[in-house]
Amino acid sequence: MIGNIKYRLRQLRAEGKFTFLINLLVAANAHIKSLRQRTQKKGAAASLLPRQFGSSPQAWVDFIWNANNGFFRPIQQPQEILNLIEIVSQRKPETVLEIGTANGGSLFLFCRAAAKHATIVSIDLPGGINGGGFPNWKTDLYAQFAGDTQQLHLLRLNSHLPSTLSRVQEITPTGKFDAIMIDADHSYEGVKQDFELYSSLVAERGIIILHDIIKNQFDPSIQVNRFWDELKLTHQTKEIIFDNKQGNMGIGLVFF
C-alpha cells in the first residue's frame, strides 16, 4: 500500500504534476527521519568506537549493514556493493571522490578499501530531490570513518556547480582521483552532468562508478540507465548486477 502510494507520487512528480506539494512532503519526511535518527546518534557513535571493522570486504559490508540496527546501511544491493568493494580494495586507490553521501554506508566502505594514506572526498546536497543531503549533525559521525592516516573531506554542496568542482580539485595535490562514485542526482540530465564535470578529474587508469544502472521499475524519475546505455557505446565498462529482474539498483564501472 505505502509502496504503491510512493510510486504514484514519484510518477506524478516525473510528469510535472503537484511538484511543489510532493517535494514539500518529501522534505517533511526527510526532516522527520532526521529527528528520529538523531535520537539514535549516541548508539551509532558507540558502534564505531571499537574500530574493529574486520579486514575483508565481506566483514566491512557485514559491519556497516548491521551497525546500530542499520543506521549507516547503504542504499545498495548487498552482493553488488560487496563485489564493488572487492574490486576497489584490490586497486587500493590513493584518492577517492564520492558524489552522494546519503546514509554514509558506501563512504565507510570506500574508507576501508582505500589506501592507508588515502584522501577521500564525499559531496552531498542538502535538501536534494528525494530529501537527500545528510544533516549537519551527522558530520562528526561520518568523520570517524576515516583511518588514522587517511584524510576525509565532507562537503555539503551542489555537485553541479563549477565552484564545487574547483573546491574538489584543490583538495588533492594533483586534482585527480583514482576512483569516483556518482550516486546523487539520478535524473538523466543530472547524472550526465556529474559525469561530464568530474570525468575531467579521473586519474590515469582510474574508474568512475555509477549506481542504479538498471531501469527502475519503482521510481520513474531515476533515469541513470539511459545515460549508462550511452556510456557503454563509447567506454570500456563493467556491470555488477545481482539479478537482472530485480527492477532497480545495479552498479556500473567505467574504466579510463
Protein backbone atom coordinates (compact mmCIF):
# COMPACT_ATOMS: atom_id res chain seq x y z
CA MET A 1 0.00 0.00 0.00
CA ILE A 2 2.64 2.54 1.08
CA GLY A 3 4.89 1.39 -1.75
CA ASN A 4 2.10 2.00 -4.27
CA ILE A 5 1.47 5.48 -2.89
CA LYS A 6 5.18 6.35 -3.11
CA TYR A 7 5.34 5.10 -6.69
CA ARG A 8 2.28 7.14 -7.69
CA LEU A 9 3.69 10.30 -6.09
CA ARG A 10 7.00 9.81 -7.90
CA GLN A 11 5.15 9.22 -11.14
CA LEU A 12 3.15 12.42 -10.71
CA ARG A 13 6.30 14.38 -9.95
CA ALA A 14 8.02 12.94 -13.03
CA GLU A 15 5.03 14.16 -15.04
CA GLY A 16 5.40 17.63 -13.54
CA LYS A 17 2.18 17.42 -11.53
CA PHE A 18 1.80 18.62 -7.92
CA THR A 19 5.60 19.05 -7.84
CA PHE A 20 5.67 21.68 -5.09
CA LEU A 21 3.35 19.69 -2.82
CA ILE A 22 5.18 16.40 -3.39
CA ASN A 23 8.58 18.00 -2.77
CA LEU A 24 7.16 19.51 0.43
CA LEU A 25 6.04 16.06 1.58
CA VAL A 26 9.44 14.59 0.74
CA ALA A 27 11.24 17.34 2.67
CA ALA A 28 8.93 16.84 5.66
CA ASN A 29 9.57 13.09 5.59
CA ALA A 30 13.33 13.68 5.46
CA HIS A 31 13.08 16.05 8.43
CA ILE A 32 11.09 13.52 10.46
CA LYS A 33 13.62 10.82 9.58
CA SER A 34 16.46 13.09 10.69
CA LEU A 35 14.77 13.80 14.03
CA ARG A 36 14.19 10.10 14.61
CA GLN A 37 17.76 9.20 13.69
CA ARG A 38 19.15 11.91 15.92
CA THR A 39 17.79 10.04 18.93
CA GLN A 40 19.95 7.11 17.76
CA LYS A 41 23.13 9.13 17.35
CA LYS A 42 24.70 8.02 20.63
CA GLY A 43 24.28 4.36 19.73
CA ALA A 44 25.61 4.96 16.22
CA ALA A 45 28.72 6.66 17.61
CA ALA A 46 29.26 3.83 20.10
CA SER A 47 29.10 1.24 17.30
CA LEU A 48 32.10 2.91 15.65
CA LEU A 49 34.25 3.33 18.76
CA PRO A 50 35.86 -0.12 18.96
CA ARG A 51 37.14 0.44 15.39
CA GLN A 52 37.15 -3.33 14.89
CA PHE A 53 35.69 -3.47 11.41
CA GLY A 54 37.42 -6.62 10.19
CA SER A 55 39.98 -6.90 7.41
CA SER A 56 37.97 -8.14 4.43
CA PRO A 57 35.30 -6.62 2.17
CA GLN A 58 32.78 -9.15 3.46
CA ALA A 59 33.50 -8.16 7.08
CA TRP A 60 33.20 -4.46 6.22
CA VAL A 61 29.86 -4.94 4.46
CA ASP A 62 28.53 -7.10 7.31
CA PHE A 63 29.56 -4.46 9.85
CA ILE A 64 28.03 -1.45 8.13
CA TRP A 65 24.88 -3.37 7.26
CA ASN A 66 24.17 -4.22 10.88
CA ALA A 67 25.81 -1.43 12.92
CA ASN A 68 23.26 0.19 15.23
CA ASN A 69 20.37 -1.62 13.50
CA GLY A 70 21.32 -0.42 10.04
CA PHE A 71 21.85 3.25 10.90
CA PHE A 72 24.60 3.62 8.25
CA ARG A 73 23.30 0.96 5.84
CA PRO A 74 23.99 1.95 2.23
CA ILE A 75 21.13 2.15 -0.25
CA GLN A 76 22.59 -0.74 -2.21
CA GLN A 77 22.00 -4.37 -3.10
CA PRO A 78 24.36 -6.14 -0.64
CA GLN A 79 26.02 -8.54 -3.08
CA GLU A 80 26.55 -5.78 -5.63
CA ILE A 81 28.25 -3.41 -3.19
CA LEU A 82 30.36 -6.31 -1.87
CA ASN A 83 31.59 -7.11 -5.37
CA LEU A 84 32.37 -3.45 -5.98
CA ILE A 85 34.34 -3.06 -2.76
CA GLU A 86 36.31 -6.21 -3.58
CA ILE A 87 37.37 -4.54 -6.84
CA VAL A 88 38.16 -1.21 -5.18
CA SER A 89 40.16 -2.85 -2.37
CA GLN A 90 42.34 -4.61 -4.94
CA ARG A 91 43.11 -1.26 -6.54
CA LYS A 92 43.84 0.49 -3.19
CA PRO A 93 43.05 3.98 -4.52
CA GLU A 94 45.07 6.86 -3.09
CA THR A 95 42.29 9.34 -3.88
CA VAL A 96 38.52 8.71 -3.83
CA LEU A 97 35.63 11.04 -4.67
CA GLU A 98 32.06 10.13 -3.77
CA ILE A 99 29.13 12.19 -5.08
CA GLY A 100 26.12 11.34 -2.92
CA THR A 101 26.84 10.54 0.75
CA ALA A 102 23.30 9.66 1.93
CA ASN A 103 23.39 7.22 4.88
CA GLY A 104 27.19 7.07 4.80
CA GLY A 105 27.46 3.32 4.26
CA SER A 106 29.27 3.43 0.94
CA LEU A 107 31.58 6.16 2.28
CA PHE A 108 32.52 3.87 5.17
CA LEU A 109 33.30 1.07 2.71
CA PHE A 110 35.43 3.31 0.47
CA CYS A 111 37.46 4.36 3.51
CA ARG A 112 38.13 0.71 4.32
CA ALA A 113 39.03 -0.20 0.73
CA ALA A 114 41.24 2.82 0.02
CA ALA A 115 44.96 3.08 0.70
CA LYS A 116 46.09 3.73 4.28
CA HIS A 117 47.14 7.29 3.44
CA ALA A 118 44.27 7.98 1.05
CA THR A 119 42.43 11.25 0.62
CA ILE A 120 38.67 10.75 0.41
CA VAL A 121 36.10 13.40 -0.52
CA SER A 122 32.33 12.99 -0.24
CA ILE A 123 29.81 15.52 -1.60
CA ASP A 124 26.13 15.68 -0.68
CA LEU A 125 23.49 18.29 -1.47
CA PRO A 126 21.35 19.41 1.48
CA GLY A 127 17.69 19.22 0.51
CA GLY A 128 18.14 17.09 -2.61
CA ILE A 129 15.16 15.99 -4.72
CA ASN A 130 14.40 12.93 -2.58
CA GLY A 131 15.32 14.59 0.70
CA GLY A 132 18.98 13.89 0.08
CA GLY A 133 21.80 15.60 1.88
CA PHE A 134 22.90 14.31 5.24
CA PRO A 135 22.05 16.65 8.15
CA ASN A 136 24.91 18.62 9.64
CA TRP A 137 24.72 16.69 12.94
CA LYS A 138 25.94 13.54 11.15
CA THR A 139 29.22 15.16 10.14
CA ASP A 140 31.13 14.09 13.26
CA LEU A 141 29.84 10.53 12.85
CA TYR A 142 30.99 10.27 9.24
CA ALA A 143 34.34 11.82 10.15
CA GLN A 144 35.03 8.72 12.25
CA PHE A 145 35.00 6.52 9.12
CA ALA A 146 38.50 7.60 8.11
CA GLY A 147 41.50 5.54 9.08
CA ASP A 148 44.13 7.08 11.36
CA THR A 149 46.32 8.19 8.45
CA GLN A 150 43.56 8.98 5.95
CA GLN A 151 42.17 12.44 5.17
CA LEU A 152 38.38 12.70 4.83
CA HIS A 153 36.64 15.81 3.49
CA LEU A 154 32.84 16.12 3.78
CA LEU A 155 31.31 18.74 1.50
CA ARG A 156 27.63 19.65 1.81
CA LEU A 157 27.46 21.30 -1.60
CA ASN A 158 25.81 21.06 -5.02
CA SER A 159 28.00 18.84 -7.22
CA HIS A 160 26.65 20.54 -10.37
CA LEU A 161 28.22 23.91 -9.54
CA PRO A 162 31.62 24.82 -11.08
CA SER A 163 32.61 26.24 -7.68
CA THR A 164 32.20 22.76 -6.15
CA LEU A 165 34.36 21.23 -8.88
CA SER A 166 37.06 23.83 -8.15
CA ARG A 167 36.82 23.14 -4.42
CA VAL A 168 37.28 19.41 -5.01
CA GLN A 169 40.26 19.97 -7.31
CA GLU A 170 42.03 21.96 -4.62
CA ILE A 171 41.89 19.14 -2.07
CA THR A 172 44.45 16.83 -3.67
CA PRO A 173 47.91 17.91 -4.94
CA THR A 174 47.15 16.75 -8.50
CA GLY A 175 43.41 17.43 -8.51
CA LYS A 176 42.92 13.87 -9.77
CA PHE A 177 41.08 10.86 -8.30
CA ASP A 178 41.72 7.14 -8.71
CA ALA A 179 38.06 6.28 -8.08
CA ILE A 180 34.93 8.42 -8.43
CA MET A 181 31.48 7.25 -7.32
CA ILE A 182 28.45 9.04 -8.82
CA ASP A 183 25.29 8.30 -6.84
CA ALA A 184 23.48 11.61 -6.35
CA ASP A 185 21.15 13.25 -8.88
CA HIS A 186 19.53 10.25 -10.61
CA SER A 187 17.86 12.15 -13.43
CA TYR A 188 19.31 11.64 -16.91
CA GLU A 189 20.47 15.25 -17.08
CA GLY A 190 21.83 15.16 -13.52
CA VAL A 191 23.96 12.04 -13.78
CA LYS A 192 25.22 13.12 -17.20
CA GLN A 193 26.26 16.50 -15.82
CA ASP A 194 28.11 14.91 -12.89
CA PHE A 195 29.89 12.50 -15.24
CA GLU A 196 30.90 15.19 -17.70
CA LEU A 197 32.11 17.54 -14.95
CA TYR A 198 34.04 15.07 -12.84
CA SER A 199 35.41 12.75 -15.52
CA SER A 200 37.99 15.51 -16.04
CA LEU A 201 39.32 14.60 -12.58
CA VAL A 202 39.86 10.89 -13.21
CA ALA A 203 43.47 9.83 -12.83
CA GLU A 204 45.20 7.68 -15.43
CA ARG A 205 43.85 4.11 -15.17
CA GLY A 206 41.17 5.36 -12.79
CA ILE A 207 37.50 4.39 -12.64
CA ILE A 208 34.12 6.08 -12.41
CA ILE A 209 31.35 4.12 -10.69
CA LEU A 210 27.65 4.72 -11.33
CA HIS A 211 24.81 3.34 -9.23
CA ASP A 212 21.25 2.48 -10.32
CA ILE A 213 22.12 1.49 -13.88
CA ILE A 214 19.13 -0.90 -14.12
CA LYS A 215 15.91 0.61 -15.48
CA ASN A 216 14.00 1.49 -12.33
CA GLN A 217 10.53 -0.04 -12.04
CA PHE A 218 9.65 1.83 -8.85
CA ASP A 219 10.67 5.45 -9.46
CA PRO A 220 10.29 6.94 -12.96
CA SER A 221 12.48 9.91 -12.02
CA ILE A 222 15.54 7.61 -11.87
CA GLN A 223 16.99 7.64 -15.39
CA VAL A 224 20.60 6.57 -14.84
CA ASN A 225 20.03 3.58 -17.14
CA ARG A 226 19.56 5.89 -20.14
CA PHE A 227 22.94 7.53 -19.64
CA TRP A 228 24.55 4.18 -18.85
CA ASP A 229 23.38 2.77 -22.18
CA GLU A 230 25.13 5.68 -23.90
CA LEU A 231 28.36 5.19 -21.95
CA LYS A 232 28.55 1.53 -22.93
CA LEU A 233 28.84 2.58 -26.58
CA THR A 234 31.85 4.82 -26.00
CA HIS A 235 33.76 3.49 -22.98
CA GLN A 236 35.16 0.28 -21.53
CA THR A 237 32.63 -0.74 -18.90
CA LYS A 238 31.70 -3.49 -16.45
CA GLU A 239 28.33 -4.21 -14.85
CA ILE A 240 27.70 -5.60 -11.38
CA ILE A 241 24.10 -6.80 -11.25
CA PHE A 242 22.82 -9.38 -8.78
CA ASP A 243 19.60 -10.17 -10.68
CA ASN A 244 18.55 -8.63 -13.99
CA LYS A 245 14.92 -8.91 -12.86
CA GLN A 246 15.35 -7.03 -9.57
CA GLY A 247 13.86 -3.82 -11.00
CA ASN A 248 16.38 -1.33 -9.60
CA MET A 249 19.94 -0.88 -8.33
CA GLY A 250 22.87 -2.24 -10.37
CA ILE A 251 26.42 -0.84 -10.42
CA GLY A 252 28.39 0.21 -13.49
CA LEU A 253 32.14 0.76 -13.75
CA VAL A 254 33.77 2.93 -16.42
CA PHE A 255 37.49 2.38 -16.97
CA PHE A 256 39.89 5.13 -18.05
